[in-house]
Structures are given as structure tokens and as C-alpha cells.
Amino acid sequence: MKKYSHDFVETFDGLSGFGWDREMDENTVICYLQMFSDDQLMKHLVGRLSEEELEEIYSLINRLLKKYLKDAEYHRLFLKEEHP
């Protein structure tokens, strides 16, 4: 059984764009992140990223996770495991 899913981008049929309203911004970010993390794209792109770009992506994700998730949420939602 798969731990992770990208169902939103597969089923979303609304408009994508940024700056119109909060709901469209949120939906667009979800779509972009799910498209960006696609295995085929990542395999093609990750080797082309500089060390600085890799660190920037990693740092942004970690900063957001630490800021908005409690420890138990981090384990349950991000790591997909029970909190120790």
C-alpha cells in the first residue's frame, strides 16, 4: 500500500493561477507542488539543481513543517508513521 498520494492534482478541475483570491492561490500551490514532486520530473530535474538550490528547497520545506506542524502531526502527516 502506498503511503503518499497526489490525488488533488489528478482530480482538480478548477482554475489555476496566482493572485486572484486565497482559494485559487491555495489550489494552485497544491497543484504546483504535486506536479513538481512527480517522480519522472524529479528524476530529470534534480541532477541539474545546484547545491544552493537543493539546500534552498530543503530549507524551505523544513522551515514550513517546523512552523506549522506539531511533532505528532509531522510524524503522522509528513513521515506517515506513528509518533514515537
C-alpha atoms as a PDB file:
ATOM      1  CA  MET A   1       0.000   0.000   0.000  1.00  0.00           C
ATOM      2  CA  LYS A   2       1.304   3.447  -0.906  1.00  0.00           C
ATOM      3  CA  LYS A   3       1.950   5.920   1.894  1.00  0.00           C
ATOM      4  CA  TYR A   4       1.809   9.079  -0.199  1.00  0.00           C
ATOM      5  CA  SER A   5      -0.768  10.379  -2.649  1.00  0.00           C
ATOM      6  CA  HIS A   6      -1.097  13.124  -5.210  1.00  0.00           C
ATOM      7  CA  ASP A   7      -4.831  12.880  -5.817  1.00  0.00           C
ATOM      8  CA  PHE A   8      -5.624  16.600  -5.767  1.00  0.00           C
ATOM      9  CA  VAL A   9      -3.766  17.419  -8.975  1.00  0.00           C
ATOM     10  CA  GLU A  10      -5.363  14.408 -10.684  1.00  0.00           C
ATOM     11  CA  THR A  11      -8.922  15.431  -9.849  1.00  0.00           C
ATOM     12  CA  PHE A  12      -8.836  19.246  -9.617  1.00  0.00           C
ATOM     13  CA  ASP A  13     -10.751  20.855 -12.458  1.00  0.00           C
ATOM     14  CA  GLY A  14     -10.779  24.474 -11.327  1.00  0.00           C
ATOM     15  CA  LEU A  15      -8.685  27.380 -12.483  1.00  0.00           C
ATOM     16  CA  SER A  16      -5.008  27.645 -11.664  1.00  0.00           C
ATOM     17  CA  GLY A  17      -3.384  30.993 -11.212  1.00  0.00           C
ATOM     18  CA  PHE A  18      -1.917  33.138  -8.523  1.00  0.00           C
ATOM     19  CA  GLY A  19      -3.025  36.432  -7.062  1.00  0.00           C
ATOM     20  CA  TRP A  20      -6.749  36.276  -7.783  1.00  0.00           C
ATOM     21  CA  ASP A  21      -8.000  35.076  -4.389  1.00  0.00           C
ATOM     22  CA  ARG A  22      -6.858  32.932  -1.472  1.00  0.00           C
ATOM     23  CA  GLU A  23      -8.694  29.775  -2.583  1.00  0.00           C
ATOM     24  CA  MET A  24      -7.208  29.888  -6.087  1.00  0.00           C
ATOM     25  CA  ASP A  25      -3.748  30.587  -4.629  1.00  0.00           C
ATOM     26  CA  GLU A  26      -4.027  27.578  -2.298  1.00  0.00           C
ATOM     27  CA  ASN A  27      -5.271  25.277  -5.076  1.00  0.00           C
ATOM     28  CA  THR A  28      -2.526  26.463  -7.407  1.00  0.00           C
ATOM     29  CA  VAL A  29       0.198  25.842  -4.805  1.00  0.00           C
ATOM     30  CA  ILE A  30      -1.149  22.330  -4.160  1.00  0.00           C
ATOM     31  CA  CYS A  31      -1.170  21.576  -7.902  1.00  0.00           C
ATOM     32  CA  TYR A  32       2.305  23.021  -8.453  1.00  0.00           C
ATOM     33  CA  LEU A  33       3.819  21.099  -5.540  1.00  0.00           C
ATOM     34  CA  GLN A  34       2.212  17.833  -6.616  1.00  0.00           C
ATOM     35  CA  MET A  35       3.292  18.319 -10.241  1.00  0.00           C
ATOM     36  CA  PHE A  36       6.782  19.385  -9.123  1.00  0.00           C
ATOM     37  CA  SER A  37       7.257  16.283  -6.973  1.00  0.00           C
ATOM     38  CA  ASP A  38       6.341  13.919  -9.807  1.00  0.00           C
ATOM     39  CA  ASP A  39       8.886  11.079  -9.943  1.00  0.00           C
ATOM     40  CA  GLN A  40       9.622  11.500 -13.657  1.00  0.00           C
ATOM     41  CA  LEU A  41      10.148  15.259 -13.374  1.00  0.00           C
ATOM     42  CA  MET A  42      12.309  14.934 -10.258  1.00  0.00           C
ATOM     43  CA  LYS A  43      14.486  12.279 -11.897  1.00  0.00           C
ATOM     44  CA  HIS A  44      15.028  14.660 -14.811  1.00  0.00           C
ATOM     45  CA  LEU A  45      15.475  17.871 -12.801  1.00  0.00           C
ATOM     46  CA  VAL A  46      17.212  17.091  -9.503  1.00  0.00           C
ATOM     47  CA  GLY A  47      20.621  16.428 -11.053  1.00  0.00           C
ATOM     48  CA  ARG A  48      20.542  19.841 -12.697  1.00  0.00           C
ATOM     49  CA  LEU A  49      19.906  21.755  -9.480  1.00  0.00           C
ATOM     50  CA  SER A  50      22.851  23.453  -7.839  1.00  0.00           C
ATOM     51  CA  GLU A  51      23.835  22.653  -4.265  1.00  0.00           C
ATOM     52  CA  GLU A  52      22.382  26.041  -3.291  1.00  0.00           C
ATOM     53  CA  GLU A  53      19.071  25.274  -4.991  1.00  0.00           C
ATOM     54  CA  LEU A  54      18.860  21.872  -3.324  1.00  0.00           C
ATOM     55  CA  GLU A  55      19.556  23.473   0.053  1.00  0.00           C
ATOM     56  CA  GLU A  56      17.006  26.235  -0.620  1.00  0.00           C
ATOM     57  CA  ILE A  57      14.224  23.734  -1.387  1.00  0.00           C
ATOM     58  CA  TYR A  58      15.131  21.540   1.582  1.00  0.00           C
ATOM     59  CA  SER A  59      15.329  24.517   3.953  1.00  0.00           C
ATOM     60  CA  LEU A  60      12.005  25.988   2.817  1.00  0.00           C
ATOM     61  CA  ILE A  61      10.187  22.702   3.316  1.00  0.00           C
ATOM     62  CA  ASN A  62      11.773  22.105   6.724  1.00  0.00           C
ATOM     63  CA  ARG A  63      11.041  25.657   7.871  1.00  0.00           C
ATOM     64  CA  LEU A  64       7.363  25.345   6.920  1.00  0.00           C
ATOM     65  CA  LEU A  65       6.997  21.925   8.522  1.00  0.00           C
ATOM     66  CA  LYS A  66       8.572  23.143  11.776  1.00  0.00           C
ATOM     67  CA  LYS A  67       6.479  26.312  11.810  1.00  0.00           C
ATOM     68  CA  TYR A  68       3.059  24.819  11.104  1.00  0.00           C
ATOM     69  CA  LEU A  69       3.125  21.210  12.332  1.00  0.00           C
ATOM     70  CA  LYS A  70       3.348  19.898  15.855  1.00  0.00           C
ATOM     71  CA  ASP A  71       5.718  16.989  16.371  1.00  0.00           C
ATOM     72  CA  ALA A  72       2.930  14.394  16.274  1.00  0.00           C
ATOM     73  CA  GLU A  73       1.472  15.959  13.097  1.00  0.00           C
ATOM     74  CA  TYR A  74       4.918  15.912  11.466  1.00  0.00           C
ATOM     75  CA  HIS A  75       5.249  12.188  12.119  1.00  0.00           C
ATOM     76  CA  ARG A  76       1.664  11.347  11.143  1.00  0.00           C
ATOM     77  CA  LEU A  77       1.227  13.628   8.108  1.00  0.00           C
ATOM     78  CA  PHE A  78       4.730  14.019   6.667  1.00  0.00           C
ATOM     79  CA  LEU A  79       6.571  10.869   7.675  1.00  0.00           C
ATOM     80  CA  LYS A  80       3.404   8.741   7.622  1.00  0.00           C
ATOM     81  CA  GLU A  81       4.358   6.974  10.810  1.00  0.00           C
ATOM     82  CA  GLU A  82       3.173   6.774  14.370  1.00  0.00           C
ATOM     83  CA  HIS A  83       4.716   9.290  16.731  1.00  0.00           C
ATOM     84  CA  PRO A  84       7.346   7.578  18.861  1.00  0.00           C
END
